[in-house]
């Protein structure tokens, strides 16, 4: 998205500042590392990618002085939605283990 939005007049041109937009994805990586399931991880990634893409488009195509506020969405809404997805995934996995259900792993 960074390279795509550079063609617009109001693009976000600071590559270092763009690294801040990777923070929600780093949070997702931590959740995957502590046990988030693959389906929940993919859905979470799609949520973050969609919100980040919309933020880039919104900021790059707006001449408003407050257009950069859209970059809060991946942090605020993305963080909230990914946390809810993680909590649901964790609850479902825990209930499956308690019932004695088999949770598929990479080795099975």
PDB file of N, CA and C in Angstrom:
ATOM      1  N   UNK A   1       0.830  -1.199   0.000  1.00  0.00           N
ATOM      2  CA  UNK A   1       0.000   0.000   0.000  1.00  0.00           C
ATOM      3  C   UNK A   1       0.869   1.255   0.000  1.00  0.00           C
ATOM      4  N   UNK A   2       2.019   1.169   0.658  1.00  0.00           N
ATOM      5  CA  UNK A   2       2.877   2.356   0.718  1.00  0.00           C
ATOM      6  C   UNK A   2       3.245   2.820  -0.690  1.00  0.00           C
ATOM      7  N   UNK A   3       3.714   1.916  -1.530  1.00  0.00           N
ATOM      8  CA  UNK A   3       4.147   2.309  -2.873  1.00  0.00           C
ATOM      9  C   UNK A   3       2.965   2.729  -3.731  1.00  0.00           C
ATOM     10  N   UNK A   4       1.820   2.071  -3.568  1.00  0.00           N
ATOM     11  CA  UNK A   4       0.635   2.416  -4.338  1.00  0.00           C
ATOM     12  C   UNK A   4       0.199   3.851  -4.073  1.00  0.00           C
ATOM     13  N   UNK A   5       0.147   4.252  -2.831  1.00  0.00           N
ATOM     14  CA  UNK A   5      -0.406   5.558  -2.476  1.00  0.00           C
ATOM     15  C   UNK A   5       0.531   6.721  -2.805  1.00  0.00           C
ATOM     16  N   UNK A   6       1.777   6.436  -3.142  1.00  0.00           N
ATOM     17  CA  UNK A   6       2.724   7.516  -3.452  1.00  0.00           C
ATOM     18  C   UNK A   6       2.336   8.307  -4.699  1.00  0.00           C
ATOM     19  N   UNK A   7       1.536   7.739  -5.565  1.00  0.00           N
ATOM     20  CA  UNK A   7       1.143   8.456  -6.788  1.00  0.00           C
ATOM     21  C   UNK A   7       0.121   9.552  -6.519  1.00  0.00           C
ATOM     22  N   UNK A   8      -0.452   9.575  -5.330  1.00  0.00           N
ATOM     23  CA  UNK A   8      -1.455  10.582  -5.000  1.00  0.00           C
ATOM     24  C   UNK A   8      -0.819  11.813  -4.364  1.00  0.00           C
ATOM     25  N   UNK A   9      -1.445  12.936  -4.593  1.00  0.00           N
ATOM     26  CA  UNK A   9      -0.918  14.216  -4.119  1.00  0.00           C
ATOM     27  C   UNK A   9      -0.775  14.255  -2.600  1.00  0.00           C
ATOM     28  N   UNK A  10      -1.706  13.667  -1.887  1.00  0.00           N
ATOM     29  CA  UNK A  10      -1.713  13.759  -0.428  1.00  0.00           C
ATOM     30  C   UNK A  10      -1.192  12.484   0.235  1.00  0.00           C
ATOM     31  N   UNK A  11      -0.302  11.797  -0.436  1.00  0.00           N
ATOM     32  CA  UNK A  11       0.224  10.529   0.066  1.00  0.00           C
ATOM     33  C   UNK A  11       1.043  10.727   1.339  1.00  0.00           C
ATOM     34  N   UNK A  12       1.179   9.641   2.048  1.00  0.00           N
ATOM     35  CA  UNK A  12       1.956   9.577   3.285  1.00  0.00           C
ATOM     36  C   UNK A  12       3.380   9.207   2.879  1.00  0.00           C
ATOM     37  N   UNK A  13       4.301  10.190   2.787  1.00  0.00           N
ATOM     38  CA  UNK A  13       5.608   9.977   2.160  1.00  0.00           C
ATOM     39  C   UNK A  13       6.734   9.545   3.090  1.00  0.00           C
ATOM     40  N   UNK A  14       6.536   9.521   4.371  1.00  0.00           N
ATOM     41  CA  UNK A  14       7.620   9.201   5.298  1.00  0.00           C
ATOM     42  C   UNK A  14       7.724   7.692   5.498  1.00  0.00           C
ATOM     43  N   UNK A  15       8.735   7.028   4.915  1.00  0.00           N
ATOM     44  CA  UNK A  15       8.818   5.571   5.032  1.00  0.00           C
ATOM     45  C   UNK A  15       9.027   5.107   6.473  1.00  0.00           C
ATOM     46  N   UNK A  16       9.723   5.878   7.286  1.00  0.00           N
ATOM     47  CA  UNK A  16       9.938   5.490   8.686  1.00  0.00           C
ATOM     48  C   UNK A  16       8.612   5.543   9.449  1.00  0.00           C
ATOM     49  N   UNK A  17       7.839   6.575   9.228  1.00  0.00           N
ATOM     50  CA  UNK A  17       6.534   6.673   9.886  1.00  0.00           C
ATOM     51  C   UNK A  17       5.609   5.552   9.436  1.00  0.00           C
ATOM     52  N   UNK A  18       5.791   5.068   8.221  1.00  0.00           N
ATOM     53  CA  UNK A  18       4.978   3.951   7.741  1.00  0.00           C
ATOM     54  C   UNK A  18       5.249   2.673   8.514  1.00  0.00           C
ATOM     55  N   UNK A  19       6.428   2.573   9.115  1.00  0.00           N
ATOM     56  CA  UNK A  19       6.727   1.393   9.917  1.00  0.00           C
ATOM     57  C   UNK A  19       5.799   1.286  11.131  1.00  0.00           C
ATOM     58  N   UNK A  20       5.292   2.408  11.595  1.00  0.00           N
ATOM     59  CA  UNK A  20       4.351   2.370  12.713  1.00  0.00           C
ATOM     60  C   UNK A  20       3.086   1.606  12.346  1.00  0.00           C
ATOM     61  N   UNK A  21       2.731   1.616  11.073  1.00  0.00           N
ATOM     62  CA  UNK A  21       1.545   0.892  10.637  1.00  0.00           C
ATOM     63  C   UNK A  21       1.757  -0.619  10.667  1.00  0.00           C
ATOM     64  N   UNK A  22       2.990  -1.059  10.879  1.00  0.00           N
ATOM     65  CA  UNK A  22       3.271  -2.489  11.018  1.00  0.00           C
ATOM     66  C   UNK A  22       3.039  -2.975  12.445  1.00  0.00           C
ATOM     67  N   UNK A  23       2.878  -2.071  13.394  1.00  0.00           N
ATOM     68  CA  UNK A  23       2.716  -2.456  14.799  1.00  0.00           C
ATOM     69  C   UNK A  23       1.502  -3.370  15.012  1.00  0.00           C
ATOM     70  N   UNK A  24       0.331  -3.068  14.445  1.00  0.00           N
ATOM     71  CA  UNK A  24      -0.784  -4.010  14.634  1.00  0.00           C
ATOM     72  C   UNK A  24      -0.481  -5.418  14.106  1.00  0.00           C
ATOM     73  N   UNK A  25       0.285  -5.497  13.011  1.00  0.00           N
ATOM     74  CA  UNK A  25       0.647  -6.797  12.462  1.00  0.00           C
ATOM     75  C   UNK A  25       1.641  -7.520  13.375  1.00  0.00           C
ATOM     76  N   UNK A  26       2.491  -6.768  14.047  1.00  0.00           N
ATOM     77  CA  UNK A  26       3.402  -7.363  15.031  1.00  0.00           C
ATOM     78  C   UNK A  26       2.608  -7.916  16.211  1.00  0.00           C
ATOM     79  N   UNK A  27       1.566  -7.185  16.612  1.00  0.00           N
ATOM     80  CA  UNK A  27       0.692  -7.682  17.670  1.00  0.00           C
ATOM     81  C   UNK A  27       0.006  -8.978  17.259  1.00  0.00           C
ATOM     82  N   UNK A  28      -0.416  -9.049  16.019  1.00  0.00           N
ATOM     83  CA  UNK A  28      -1.019 -10.274  15.499  1.00  0.00           C
ATOM     84  C   UNK A  28      -0.008 -11.415  15.525  1.00  0.00           C
ATOM     85  N   UNK A  29       1.235 -11.135  15.167  1.00  0.00           N
ATOM     86  CA  UNK A  29       2.283 -12.167  15.195  1.00  0.00           C
ATOM     87  C   UNK A  29       2.471 -12.717  16.606  1.00  0.00           C
ATOM     88  N   UNK A  30       2.401 -11.854  17.595  1.00  0.00           N
ATOM     89  CA  UNK A  30       2.512 -12.302  18.990  1.00  0.00           C
ATOM     90  C   UNK A  30       1.341 -13.216  19.333  1.00  0.00           C
ATOM     91  N   UNK A  31       0.132 -12.832  18.911  1.00  0.00           N
ATOM     92  CA  UNK A  31      -1.040 -13.667  19.189  1.00  0.00           C
ATOM     93  C   UNK A  31      -0.920 -15.032  18.523  1.00  0.00           C
ATOM     94  N   UNK A  32      -0.389 -15.065  17.316  1.00  0.00           N
ATOM     95  CA  UNK A  32      -0.175 -16.342  16.626  1.00  0.00           C
ATOM     96  C   UNK A  32       0.868 -17.161  17.383  1.00  0.00           C
ATOM     97  N   UNK A  33       1.907 -16.498  17.875  1.00  0.00           N
ATOM     98  CA  UNK A  33       2.961 -17.195  18.606  1.00  0.00           C
ATOM     99  C   UNK A  33       2.468 -17.806  19.918  1.00  0.00           C
ATOM    100  N   UNK A  34       1.464 -17.197  20.528  1.00  0.00           N
ATOM    101  CA  UNK A  34       0.961 -17.732  21.798  1.00  0.00           C
ATOM    102  C   UNK A  34      -0.251 -18.652  21.615  1.00  0.00           C
ATOM    103  N   UNK A  35      -0.567 -18.995  20.379  1.00  0.00           N
ATOM    104  CA  UNK A  35      -1.553 -20.034  20.180  1.00  0.00           C
ATOM    105  C   UNK A  35      -2.788 -19.723  19.371  1.00  0.00           C
ATOM    106  N   UNK A  36      -2.839 -18.610  18.689  1.00  0.00           N
ATOM    107  CA  UNK A  36      -4.006 -18.324  17.842  1.00  0.00           C
ATOM    108  C   UNK A  36      -4.052 -19.339  16.710  1.00  0.00           C
ATOM    109  N   UNK A  37      -5.245 -19.840  16.430  1.00  0.00           N
ATOM    110  CA  UNK A  37      -5.414 -20.828  15.364  1.00  0.00           C
ATOM    111  C   UNK A  37      -5.233 -20.213  13.986  1.00  0.00           C
ATOM    112  N   UNK A  38      -4.985 -21.066  12.994  1.00  0.00           N
ATOM    113  CA  UNK A  38      -4.726 -20.561  11.641  1.00  0.00           C
ATOM    114  C   UNK A  38      -5.900 -19.813  11.017  1.00  0.00           C
ATOM    115  N   UNK A  39      -7.115 -20.289  11.217  1.00  0.00           N
ATOM    116  CA  UNK A  39      -8.275 -19.605  10.639  1.00  0.00           C
ATOM    117  C   UNK A  39      -8.444 -18.225  11.265  1.00  0.00           C
ATOM    118  N   UNK A  40      -8.339 -18.152  12.582  1.00  0.00           N
ATOM    119  CA  UNK A  40      -8.450 -16.870  13.277  1.00  0.00           C
ATOM    120  C   UNK A  40      -7.327 -15.929  12.858  1.00  0.00           C
ATOM    121  N   UNK A  41      -6.138 -16.475  12.631  1.00  0.00           N
ATOM    122  CA  UNK A  41      -5.003 -15.647  12.206  1.00  0.00           C
ATOM    123  C   UNK A  41      -5.247 -15.047  10.824  1.00  0.00           C
ATOM    124  N   UNK A  42      -5.781 -15.844   9.919  1.00  0.00           N
ATOM    125  CA  UNK A  42      -6.059 -15.353   8.556  1.00  0.00           C
ATOM    126  C   UNK A  42      -7.146 -14.284   8.586  1.00  0.00           C
ATOM    127  N   UNK A  43      -8.218 -14.536   9.341  1.00  0.00           N
ATOM    128  CA  UNK A  43      -9.294 -13.550   9.445  1.00  0.00           C
ATOM    129  C   UNK A  43      -8.757 -12.255  10.058  1.00  0.00           C
ATOM    130  N   UNK A  44      -7.932 -12.385  11.085  1.00  0.00           N
ATOM    131  CA  UNK A  44      -7.347 -11.203  11.738  1.00  0.00           C
ATOM    132  C   UNK A  44      -6.454 -10.436  10.780  1.00  0.00           C
ATOM    133  N   UNK A  45      -5.659 -11.155  10.000  1.00  0.00           N
ATOM    134  CA  UNK A  45      -4.786 -10.497   9.033  1.00  0.00           C
ATOM    135  C   UNK A  45      -5.623  -9.744   8.004  1.00  0.00           C
ATOM    136  N   UNK A  46      -6.701 -10.364   7.536  1.00  0.00           N
ATOM    137  CA  UNK A  46      -7.569  -9.696   6.566  1.00  0.00           C
ATOM    138  C   UNK A  46      -8.195  -8.434   7.151  1.00  0.00           C
ATOM    139  N   UNK A  47      -8.594  -8.487   8.419  1.00  0.00           N
ATOM    140  CA  UNK A  47      -9.154  -7.305   9.082  1.00  0.00           C
ATOM    141  C   UNK A  47      -8.114  -6.191   9.131  1.00  0.00           C
ATOM    142  N   UNK A  48      -6.904  -6.524   9.585  1.00  0.00           N
ATOM    143  CA  UNK A  48      -5.850  -5.502   9.684  1.00  0.00           C
ATOM    144  C   UNK A  48      -5.457  -4.969   8.310  1.00  0.00           C
ATOM    145  N   UNK A  49      -5.324  -5.862   7.336  1.00  0.00           N
ATOM    146  CA  UNK A  49      -4.948  -5.431   5.987  1.00  0.00           C
ATOM    147  C   UNK A  49      -6.020  -4.524   5.392  1.00  0.00           C
ATOM    148  N   UNK A  50      -7.286  -4.881   5.591  1.00  0.00           N
ATOM    149  CA  UNK A  50      -8.374  -4.056   5.081  1.00  0.00           C
ATOM    150  C   UNK A  50      -8.404  -2.680   5.715  1.00  0.00           C
ATOM    151  N   UNK A  51      -8.285  -2.636   7.046  1.00  0.00           N
ATOM    152  CA  UNK A  51      -8.288  -1.338   7.736  1.00  0.00           C
ATOM    153  C   UNK A  51      -7.076  -0.485   7.355  1.00  0.00           C
ATOM    154  N   UNK A  52      -5.923  -1.125   7.221  1.00  0.00           N
ATOM    155  CA  UNK A  52      -4.714  -0.390   6.842  1.00  0.00           C
ATOM    156  C   UNK A  52      -4.839   0.127   5.409  1.00  0.00           C
ATOM    157  N   UNK A  53      -5.351  -0.714   4.516  1.00  0.00           N
ATOM    158  CA  UNK A  53      -5.563  -0.284   3.132  1.00  0.00           C
ATOM    159  C   UNK A  53      -6.541   0.875   3.039  1.00  0.00           C
ATOM    160  N   UNK A  54      -7.635   0.778   3.775  1.00  0.00           N
ATOM    161  CA  UNK A  54      -8.606   1.879   3.777  1.00  0.00           C
ATOM    162  C   UNK A  54      -8.002   3.158   4.343  1.00  0.00           C
ATOM    163  N   UNK A  55      -7.139   3.024   5.330  1.00  0.00           N
ATOM    164  CA  UNK A  55      -6.488   4.201   5.905  1.00  0.00           C
ATOM    165  C   UNK A  55      -5.577   4.870   4.874  1.00  0.00           C
ATOM    166  N   UNK A  56      -4.775   4.056   4.160  1.00  0.00           N
ATOM    167  CA  UNK A  56      -3.913   4.618   3.120  1.00  0.00           C
ATOM    168  C   UNK A  56      -4.735   5.327   2.047  1.00  0.00           C
ATOM    169  N   UNK A  57      -5.796   4.679   1.580  1.00  0.00           N
ATOM    170  CA  UNK A  57      -6.626   5.272   0.532  1.00  0.00           C
ATOM    171  C   UNK A  57      -7.285   6.547   1.034  1.00  0.00           C
ATOM    172  N   UNK A  58      -7.835   6.488   2.245  1.00  0.00           N
ATOM    173  CA  UNK A  58      -8.497   7.660   2.807  1.00  0.00           C
ATOM    174  C   UNK A  58      -7.576   8.847   2.963  1.00  0.00           C
ATOM    175  N   UNK A  59      -6.369   8.594   3.442  1.00  0.00           N
ATOM    176  CA  UNK A  59      -5.421   9.692   3.644  1.00  0.00           C
ATOM    177  C   UNK A  59      -4.847  10.201   2.316  1.00  0.00           C
ATOM    178  N   UNK A  60      -4.560   9.275   1.396  1.00  0.00           N
ATOM    179  CA  UNK A  60      -3.924   9.665   0.136  1.00  0.00           C
ATOM    180  C   UNK A  60      -4.862  10.439  -0.780  1.00  0.00           C
ATOM    181  N   UNK A  61      -6.148  10.246  -0.632  1.00  0.00           N
ATOM    182  CA  UNK A  61      -7.098  10.885  -1.544  1.00  0.00           C
ATOM    183  C   UNK A  61      -7.844  12.055  -0.914  1.00  0.00           C
ATOM    184  N   UNK A  62      -7.432  12.467   0.274  1.00  0.00           N
ATOM    185  CA  UNK A  62      -8.121  13.564   0.952  1.00  0.00           C
ATOM    186  C   UNK A  62      -7.182  14.754   1.145  1.00  0.00           C
ATOM    187  N   UNK A  63      -7.706  15.936   0.927  1.00  0.00           N
ATOM    188  CA  UNK A  63      -6.904  17.146   1.143  1.00  0.00           C
ATOM    189  C   UNK A  63      -7.140  17.731   2.527  1.00  0.00           C
ATOM    190  N   UNK A  64      -7.934  17.076   3.339  1.00  0.00           N
ATOM    191  CA  UNK A  64      -8.233  17.568   4.684  1.00  0.00           C
ATOM    192  C   UNK A  64      -6.982  17.546   5.556  1.00  0.00           C
ATOM    193  N   UNK A  65      -6.843  18.544   6.409  1.00  0.00           N
ATOM    194  CA  UNK A  65      -5.680  18.595   7.290  1.00  0.00           C
ATOM    195  C   UNK A  65      -5.732  17.511   8.365  1.00  0.00           C
ATOM    196  N   UNK A  66      -6.898  16.932   8.571  1.00  0.00           N
ATOM    197  CA  UNK A  66      -7.045  15.876   9.574  1.00  0.00           C
ATOM    198  C   UNK A  66      -7.156  14.489   8.946  1.00  0.00           C
ATOM    199  N   UNK A  67      -6.806  14.366   7.678  1.00  0.00           N
ATOM    200  CA  UNK A  67      -6.944  13.091   6.968  1.00  0.00           C
ATOM    201  C   UNK A  67      -6.101  11.982   7.598  1.00  0.00           C
ATOM    202  N   UNK A  68      -4.981  12.330   8.179  1.00  0.00           N
ATOM    203  CA  UNK A  68      -4.092  11.314   8.757  1.00  0.00           C
ATOM    204  C   UNK A  68      -4.704  10.617   9.962  1.00  0.00           C
ATOM    205  N   UNK A  69      -5.785  11.145  10.491  1.00  0.00           N
ATOM    206  CA  UNK A  69      -6.446  10.504  11.628  1.00  0.00           C
ATOM    207  C   UNK A  69      -6.937   9.106  11.254  1.00  0.00           C
ATOM    208  N   UNK A  70      -7.169   8.870   9.967  1.00  0.00           N
ATOM    209  CA  UNK A  70      -7.634   7.534   9.552  1.00  0.00           C
ATOM    210  C   UNK A  70      -6.607   6.457   9.872  1.00  0.00           C
ATOM    211  N   UNK A  71      -5.357   6.838  10.096  1.00  0.00           N
ATOM    212  CA  UNK A  71      -4.333   5.850  10.434  1.00  0.00           C
ATOM    213  C   UNK A  71      -4.502   5.300  11.847  1.00  0.00           C
ATOM    214  N   UNK A  72      -5.417   5.860  12.610  1.00  0.00           N
ATOM    215  CA  UNK A  72      -5.718   5.348  13.945  1.00  0.00           C
ATOM    216  C   UNK A  72      -6.551   4.066  13.841  1.00  0.00           C
ATOM    217  N   UNK A  73      -7.299   3.903  12.763  1.00  0.00           N
ATOM    218  CA  UNK A  73      -8.207   2.760  12.606  1.00  0.00           C
ATOM    219  C   UNK A  73      -7.521   1.405  12.775  1.00  0.00           C
ATOM    220  N   UNK A  74      -6.359   1.153  12.133  1.00  0.00           N
ATOM    221  CA  UNK A  74      -5.738  -0.154  12.331  1.00  0.00           C
ATOM    222  C   UNK A  74      -5.347  -0.409  13.793  1.00  0.00           C
ATOM    223  N   UNK A  75      -5.038   0.639  14.510  1.00  0.00           N
ATOM    224  CA  UNK A  75      -4.666   0.478  15.914  1.00  0.00           C
ATOM    225  C   UNK A  75      -5.905   0.292  16.786  1.00  0.00           C
ATOM    226  N   UNK A  76      -6.848   1.204  16.682  1.00  0.00           N
ATOM    227  CA  UNK A  76      -8.017   1.194  17.550  1.00  0.00           C
ATOM    228  C   UNK A  76      -8.985   0.072  17.167  1.00  0.00           C
ATOM    229  N   UNK A  77      -9.574   0.160  15.980  1.00  0.00           N
ATOM    230  CA  UNK A  77     -10.544  -0.845  15.559  1.00  0.00           C
ATOM    231  C   UNK A  77      -9.878  -2.173  15.246  1.00  0.00           C
ATOM    232  N   UNK A  78      -8.718  -2.125  14.627  1.00  0.00           N
ATOM    233  CA  UNK A  78      -7.997  -3.371  14.335  1.00  0.00           C
ATOM    234  C   UNK A  78      -7.608  -4.097  15.606  1.00  0.00           C
ATOM    235  N   UNK A  79      -7.064  -3.348  16.568  1.00  0.00           N
ATOM    236  CA  UNK A  79      -6.691  -3.967  17.842  1.00  0.00           C
ATOM    237  C   UNK A  79      -7.882  -4.571  18.555  1.00  0.00           C
ATOM    238  N   UNK A  80      -8.996  -3.849  18.548  1.00  0.00           N
ATOM    239  CA  UNK A  80     -10.209  -4.342  19.200  1.00  0.00           C
ATOM    240  C   UNK A  80     -10.730  -5.600  18.495  1.00  0.00           C
ATOM    241  N   UNK A  81     -10.860  -5.552  17.180  1.00  0.00           N
ATOM    242  CA  UNK A  81     -11.399  -6.693  16.442  1.00  0.00           C
ATOM    243  C   UNK A  81     -10.492  -7.916  16.526  1.00  0.00           C
ATOM    244  N   UNK A  82      -9.192  -7.710  16.415  1.00  0.00           N
ATOM    245  CA  UNK A  82      -8.255  -8.833  16.502  1.00  0.00           C
ATOM    246  C   UNK A  82      -8.268  -9.427  17.910  1.00  0.00           C
ATOM    247  N   UNK A  83      -8.390  -8.589  18.923  1.00  0.00           N
ATOM    248  CA  UNK A  83      -8.472  -9.097  20.297  1.00  0.00           C
ATOM    249  C   UNK A  83      -9.735  -9.929  20.506  1.00  0.00           C
ATOM    250  N   UNK A  84     -10.847  -9.481  19.949  1.00  0.00           N
ATOM    251  CA  UNK A  84     -12.098 -10.247  20.049  1.00  0.00           C
ATOM    252  C   UNK A  84     -11.959 -11.581  19.314  1.00  0.00           C
ATOM    253  N   UNK A  85     -11.366 -11.559  18.131  1.00  0.00           N
ATOM    254  CA  UNK A  85     -11.157 -12.803  17.371  1.00  0.00           C
ATOM    255  C   UNK A  85     -10.260 -13.744  18.161  1.00  0.00           C
ATOM    256  N   UNK A  86      -9.211 -13.217  18.772  1.00  0.00           N
ATOM    257  CA  UNK A  86      -8.304 -14.034  19.577  1.00  0.00           C
ATOM    258  C   UNK A  86      -9.047 -14.653  20.760  1.00  0.00           C
ATOM    259  N   UNK A  87      -9.862 -13.851  21.453  1.00  0.00           N
ATOM    260  CA  UNK A  87     -10.596 -14.346  22.618  1.00  0.00           C
ATOM    261  C   UNK A  87     -11.575 -15.450  22.222  1.00  0.00           C
ATOM    262  N   UNK A  88     -12.287 -15.258  21.107  1.00  0.00           N
ATOM    263  CA  UNK A  88     -13.223 -16.276  20.634  1.00  0.00           C
ATOM    264  C   UNK A  88     -12.477 -17.546  20.252  1.00  0.00           C
ATOM    265  N   UNK A  89     -11.376 -17.403  19.529  1.00  0.00           N
ATOM    266  CA  UNK A  89     -10.566 -18.552  19.120  1.00  0.00           C
ATOM    267  C   UNK A  89     -10.051 -19.305  20.345  1.00  0.00           C
ATOM    268  N   UNK A  90      -9.566 -18.580  21.325  1.00  0.00           N
ATOM    269  CA  UNK A  90      -9.032 -19.196  22.544  1.00  0.00           C
ATOM    270  C   UNK A  90     -10.136 -19.954  23.283  1.00  0.00           C
ATOM    271  N   UNK A  91     -11.311 -19.343  23.395  1.00  0.00           N
ATOM    272  CA  UNK A  91     -12.433 -19.980  24.088  1.00  0.00           C
ATOM    273  C   UNK A  91     -12.870 -21.250  23.369  1.00  0.00           C
ATOM    274  N   UNK A  92     -13.006 -21.194  22.063  1.00  0.00           N
ATOM    275  CA  UNK A  92     -13.412 -22.367  21.284  1.00  0.00           C
ATOM    276  C   UNK A  92     -12.383 -23.474  21.417  1.00  0.00           C
ATOM    277  N   UNK A  93     -11.117 -23.149  21.325  1.00  0.00           N
ATOM    278  CA  UNK A  93     -10.068 -24.174  21.435  1.00  0.00           C
ATOM    279  C   UNK A  93     -10.052 -24.802  22.821  1.00  0.00           C
ATOM    280  N   UNK A  94     -10.229 -23.989  23.849  1.00  0.00           N
ATOM    281  CA  UNK A  94     -10.225 -24.500  25.224  1.00  0.00           C
ATOM    282  C   UNK A  94     -11.416 -25.427  25.447  1.00  0.00           C
ATOM    283  N   UNK A  95     -12.583 -25.061  24.961  1.00  0.00           N
ATOM    284  CA  UNK A  95     -13.775 -25.911  25.120  1.00  0.00           C
ATOM    285  C   UNK A  95     -13.617 -27.232  24.379  1.00  0.00           C
ATOM    286  N   UNK A  96     -12.994 -27.189  23.228  1.00  0.00           N
ATOM    287  CA  UNK A  96     -12.762 -28.437  22.487  1.00  0.00           C
ATOM    288  C   UNK A  96     -11.842 -29.369  23.275  1.00  0.00           C
ATOM    289  N   UNK A  97     -10.819 -28.804  23.899  1.00  0.00           N
ATOM    290  CA  UNK A  97      -9.890 -29.625  24.693  1.00  0.00           C
ATOM    291  C   UNK A  97     -10.592 -30.214  25.915  1.00  0.00           C
ATOM    292  N   UNK A  98     -11.456 -29.429  26.579  1.00  0.00           N
ATOM    293  CA  UNK A  98     -12.168 -29.909  27.768  1.00  0.00           C
ATOM    294  C   UNK A  98     -13.118 -31.043  27.430  1.00  0.00           C
ATOM    295  N   UNK A  99     -13.740 -30.986  26.280  1.00  0.00           N
ATOM    296  CA  UNK A  99     -14.677 -32.028  25.860  1.00  0.00           C
ATOM    297  C   UNK A  99     -13.960 -33.269  25.346  1.00  0.00           C
ATOM    298  N   UNK A 100     -12.669 -33.187  25.250  1.00  0.00           N
ATOM    299  CA  UNK A 100     -11.914 -34.330  24.760  1.00  0.00           C
ATOM    300  C   UNK A 100     -11.855 -34.404  23.251  1.00  0.00           C
ATOM    301  N   UNK A 101     -12.312 -33.352  22.608  1.00  0.00           N
ATOM    302  CA  UNK A 101     -12.273 -33.295  21.157  1.00  0.00           C
ATOM    303  C   UNK A 101     -10.844 -33.184  20.660  1.00  0.00           C
ATOM    304  N   UNK A 102     -10.619 -33.679  19.501  1.00  0.00           N
ATOM    305  CA  UNK A 102      -9.285 -33.608  18.915  1.00  0.00           C
ATOM    306  C   UNK A 102      -9.110 -32.284  18.189  1.00  0.00           C
ATOM    307  N   UNK A 103      -8.098 -31.523  18.594  1.00  0.00           N
ATOM    308  CA  UNK A 103      -7.759 -30.272  17.915  1.00  0.00           C
ATOM    309  C   UNK A 103      -6.647 -30.595  16.945  1.00  0.00           C
ATOM    310  N   UNK A 104      -6.888 -30.462  15.645  1.00  0.00           N
ATOM    311  CA  UNK A 104      -5.866 -30.803  14.653  1.00  0.00           C
ATOM    312  C   UNK A 104      -4.590 -29.987  14.848  1.00  0.00           C
ATOM    313  N   UNK A 105      -3.486 -30.675  14.694  1.00  0.00           N
ATOM    314  CA  UNK A 105      -2.208 -29.985  14.776  1.00  0.00           C
ATOM    315  C   UNK A 105      -1.451 -30.232  13.480  1.00  0.00           C
ATOM    316  N   UNK A 106      -0.283 -29.620  13.387  1.00  0.00           N
ATOM    317  CA  UNK A 106       0.520 -29.746  12.166  1.00  0.00           C
ATOM    318  C   UNK A 106       0.998 -31.183  11.974  1.00  0.00           C
ATOM    319  N   UNK A 107       1.145 -31.939  13.068  1.00  0.00           N
ATOM    320  CA  UNK A 107       1.674 -33.287  12.956  1.00  0.00           C
ATOM    321  C   UNK A 107       0.599 -34.339  12.687  1.00  0.00           C
ATOM    322  N   UNK A 108      -0.694 -33.973  12.779  1.00  0.00           N
ATOM    323  CA  UNK A 108      -1.729 -34.990  12.553  1.00  0.00           C
ATOM    324  C   UNK A 108      -2.429 -34.834  11.236  1.00  0.00           C
TER     325      UNK A 108
END
